[in-house]
Amino acid sequence: MLTTAVTTVGRGRYDVIIADLLYTQLLFPALLDAGLPGPVVGAALNERGTQLTRLAVQRLHASAPQGTVVHLHDLLAWWPGHSQPYTLDALVALAGRDQAAALRLVDGGRAPRGADPRPALRALGAEIVQTALWRWPFSPDVDYLVLRVRRPPTGRCQPGTTPVTGAASSATGSGVKRYPTPKWVCT
């Protein structure tokens, strides 16, 4: 089980947080824009993408310690030149009958590297109460399989004893007002 101190997003203590198709956008677009060769991009995603995803998941959970956190993830994609070992229709149909079997099949697909929030959730020991899979028609030639996992309200992230000071976004007449940003420990 992973134990680490993280800061909240904003002031924290949110009732609901929805991470909407966020994880594939943490690192890949910057690597692509830098014009790096494919093998370098792949290595960076394998090493750093997983770490960034884990840290993002930890911060989101620390920010809603008693709330619900919903993760939406573009788990797999189909477009010309980027096929999967099965069709999206077959996978969605299987998910309707046997979600566990569909998720096992997904793990054998060509997924974005380092962007799946499920390993981070397992490392946090986060209970997942709901999982869903569906087709997202992104454009005429591009379809995604979206994964939704939901963590129920829980107390698994608690404030630590040492606050960290950070700048707030609100300004006062005398300058920028600073609020303490609590450290959270997620187990």
Protein backbone atom coordinates (compact mmCIF):
# COMPACT_ATOMS: atom_id res chain seq x y z
CA MET A 1 0.00 0.00 0.00
CA LEU A 2 1.22 3.46 -0.93
CA THR A 3 1.55 6.08 1.82
CA THR A 4 2.66 9.59 0.97
CA ALA A 5 1.98 13.19 1.95
CA VAL A 6 0.32 15.24 -0.77
CA THR A 7 -1.29 18.65 -0.95
CA THR A 8 -4.90 19.21 -1.90
CA VAL A 9 -6.20 20.79 -5.07
CA GLY A 10 -7.35 24.24 -4.06
CA ARG A 11 -8.60 24.39 -0.49
CA GLY A 12 -9.72 20.74 -0.47
CA ARG A 13 -12.66 19.17 1.34
CA TYR A 14 -14.79 18.94 -1.81
CA ASP A 15 -17.99 16.89 -1.84
CA VAL A 16 -17.47 15.58 -5.38
CA ILE A 17 -14.50 15.59 -7.74
CA ILE A 18 -14.72 14.43 -11.35
CA ALA A 19 -11.46 13.79 -13.20
CA ASP A 20 -12.80 13.94 -16.75
CA LEU A 21 -10.47 12.42 -19.35
CA LEU A 22 -7.49 13.99 -17.65
CA TYR A 23 -4.80 11.36 -17.31
CA THR A 24 -3.78 10.95 -20.95
CA GLN A 25 -3.25 14.73 -21.07
CA LEU A 26 -0.77 14.97 -18.19
CA LEU A 27 2.38 14.24 -20.20
CA PHE A 28 1.77 12.90 -23.72
CA PRO A 29 0.83 16.19 -25.46
CA ALA A 30 4.01 17.90 -24.21
CA LEU A 31 6.18 15.02 -25.40
CA LEU A 32 4.42 14.99 -28.76
CA ASP A 33 4.78 18.77 -29.18
CA ALA A 34 8.51 18.48 -28.36
CA GLY A 35 8.93 16.28 -31.43
CA LEU A 36 10.67 13.51 -29.52
CA PRO A 37 11.19 10.13 -31.22
CA GLY A 38 8.64 7.41 -30.46
CA PRO A 39 10.92 5.27 -28.27
CA VAL A 40 11.81 8.29 -26.09
CA VAL A 41 8.13 9.22 -25.73
CA GLY A 42 7.27 5.62 -24.81
CA ALA A 43 10.01 5.41 -22.18
CA ALA A 44 8.97 8.74 -20.64
CA LEU A 45 5.32 7.68 -20.52
CA ASN A 46 6.19 4.35 -18.93
CA GLU A 47 8.37 5.93 -16.25
CA ARG A 48 6.95 9.40 -15.62
CA GLY A 49 3.38 9.01 -16.87
CA THR A 50 2.60 6.43 -14.21
CA GLN A 51 4.10 8.67 -11.51
CA LEU A 52 2.14 11.73 -12.68
CA THR A 53 -1.09 9.75 -12.83
CA ARG A 54 -0.51 8.38 -9.33
CA LEU A 55 0.22 11.86 -7.94
CA ALA A 56 -2.86 13.35 -9.65
CA VAL A 57 -5.08 10.59 -8.24
CA GLN A 58 -3.60 11.09 -4.75
CA ARG A 59 -4.20 14.85 -4.85
CA LEU A 60 -7.78 14.41 -6.04
CA HIS A 61 -8.53 11.91 -3.29
CA ALA A 62 -6.85 14.11 -0.67
CA SER A 63 -9.05 16.98 -1.87
CA ALA A 64 -12.29 15.07 -1.18
CA PRO A 65 -11.45 13.07 1.95
CA GLN A 66 -15.11 12.60 2.85
CA GLY A 67 -16.46 13.03 -0.68
CA THR A 68 -16.93 11.03 -3.85
CA VAL A 69 -14.25 10.91 -6.55
CA VAL A 70 -15.17 9.88 -10.10
CA HIS A 71 -12.45 9.04 -12.63
CA LEU A 72 -13.26 9.07 -16.36
CA HIS A 73 -10.46 7.68 -18.49
CA ASP A 74 -10.12 7.22 -22.25
CA LEU A 75 -8.89 3.69 -21.81
CA LEU A 76 -8.62 2.54 -25.44
CA ALA A 77 -8.98 4.14 -28.86
CA TRP A 78 -9.76 3.06 -32.40
CA TRP A 79 -8.83 5.13 -35.48
CA PRO A 80 -7.41 4.36 -38.92
CA GLY A 81 -3.95 2.91 -38.34
CA HIS A 82 -4.57 2.35 -34.61
CA SER A 83 -6.55 -0.84 -34.26
CA GLN A 84 -7.15 -3.06 -31.24
CA PRO A 85 -7.16 -6.88 -31.09
CA TYR A 86 -11.01 -6.75 -30.90
CA THR A 87 -13.76 -4.39 -32.02
CA LEU A 88 -15.22 -1.73 -29.78
CA ASP A 89 -18.72 -3.11 -30.40
CA ALA A 90 -17.64 -6.57 -29.21
CA LEU A 91 -16.00 -5.11 -26.11
CA VAL A 92 -19.01 -2.97 -25.15
CA ALA A 93 -21.33 -5.95 -25.69
CA LEU A 94 -19.11 -8.11 -23.47
CA ALA A 95 -19.08 -5.38 -20.80
CA GLY A 96 -22.89 -5.51 -20.79
CA ARG A 97 -22.78 -9.24 -20.00
CA ASP A 98 -19.59 -9.63 -17.98
CA GLN A 99 -17.75 -6.48 -16.97
CA ALA A 100 -14.87 -8.34 -15.30
CA ALA A 101 -14.20 -10.27 -18.52
CA ALA A 102 -14.33 -7.04 -20.54
CA LEU A 103 -11.80 -5.38 -18.20
CA ARG A 104 -9.47 -8.38 -18.54
CA LEU A 105 -9.75 -8.09 -22.33
CA VAL A 106 -9.05 -4.33 -22.12
CA ASP A 107 -5.75 -5.06 -20.38
CA GLY A 108 -4.57 -6.81 -23.57
CA GLY A 109 -5.31 -3.78 -25.75
CA ARG A 110 -3.12 -0.92 -26.98
CA ALA A 111 -3.77 1.51 -24.13
CA PRO A 112 -2.13 4.89 -23.50
CA ARG A 113 1.00 4.25 -21.45
CA GLY A 114 1.16 5.43 -17.85
CA ALA A 115 -2.31 7.00 -17.87
CA ASP A 116 -4.62 4.40 -16.31
CA PRO A 117 -5.85 5.58 -12.88
CA ARG A 118 -6.71 2.04 -11.71
CA PRO A 119 -3.18 1.11 -10.51
CA ALA A 120 -3.03 4.36 -8.53
CA LEU A 121 -6.41 3.61 -6.97
CA ARG A 122 -5.24 0.13 -6.00
CA ALA A 123 -2.05 1.58 -4.49
CA LEU A 124 -4.17 4.00 -2.41
CA GLY A 125 -6.35 1.12 -1.26
CA ALA A 126 -9.34 3.09 -2.59
CA GLU A 127 -12.55 1.12 -2.64
CA ILE A 128 -14.17 1.27 -6.06
CA VAL A 129 -17.93 0.93 -5.83
CA GLN A 130 -18.88 1.44 -9.43
CA THR A 131 -17.24 0.78 -12.79
CA ALA A 132 -18.70 1.41 -16.23
CA LEU A 133 -17.46 1.17 -19.82
CA TRP A 134 -18.96 2.91 -22.86
CA ARG A 135 -18.26 4.11 -26.40
CA TRP A 136 -17.31 7.75 -26.89
CA PRO A 137 -17.52 8.74 -30.58
CA PHE A 138 -14.83 11.43 -30.57
CA SER A 139 -14.93 12.21 -34.30
CA PRO A 140 -16.16 10.45 -37.47
CA ASP A 141 -13.10 8.14 -37.62
CA VAL A 142 -12.14 8.02 -33.93
CA ASP A 143 -13.86 6.12 -31.13
CA TYR A 144 -12.78 5.74 -27.52
CA LEU A 145 -13.68 3.28 -24.82
CA VAL A 146 -14.29 5.31 -21.67
CA LEU A 147 -13.79 3.80 -18.24
CA ARG A 148 -15.58 5.29 -15.25
CA VAL A 149 -14.63 4.27 -11.73
CA ARG A 150 -16.12 5.81 -8.61
CA ARG A 151 -14.75 5.90 -5.11
CA PRO A 152 -17.37 6.43 -2.43
CA PRO A 153 -17.08 8.91 0.44
CA THR A 154 -14.37 7.69 2.79
CA GLY A 155 -11.97 8.93 5.41
CA ARG A 156 -8.87 7.31 3.93
CA CYS A 157 -7.17 10.70 3.35
CA GLN A 158 -6.61 12.68 6.51
CA PRO A 159 -4.98 16.04 7.21
CA GLY A 160 -1.37 15.86 8.33
CA THR A 161 0.05 17.89 11.18
CA THR A 162 2.27 20.27 9.21
CA PRO A 163 0.48 22.74 6.93
CA VAL A 164 2.25 24.02 3.85
CA THR A 165 1.69 27.67 2.92
CA GLY A 166 0.65 28.41 -0.64
CA ALA A 167 -0.60 31.46 -2.51
CA ALA A 168 -4.32 31.78 -2.97
CA SER A 169 -5.94 33.15 -6.08
CA SER A 170 -7.82 35.95 -4.32
CA ALA A 171 -6.22 39.36 -3.96
CA THR A 172 -6.81 41.88 -1.17
CA GLY A 173 -6.17 45.62 -1.11
CA SER A 174 -2.74 44.98 0.43
CA GLY A 175 -1.66 42.31 -2.00
CA VAL A 176 -2.20 38.57 -2.41
CA LYS A 177 -3.84 36.87 0.55
CA ARG A 178 -2.17 33.61 1.50
CA TYR A 179 -4.03 30.60 2.85
CA PRO A 180 -2.48 27.54 4.45
CA THR A 181 -2.60 24.53 2.15
CA PRO A 182 -2.94 21.47 4.37
CA LYS A 183 -0.82 18.40 3.80
CA TRP A 184 -2.82 15.20 3.55
CA VAL A 185 -1.78 11.64 4.17
CA CYS A 186 -3.52 9.08 1.99
CA THR A 187 -3.31 5.42 2.87
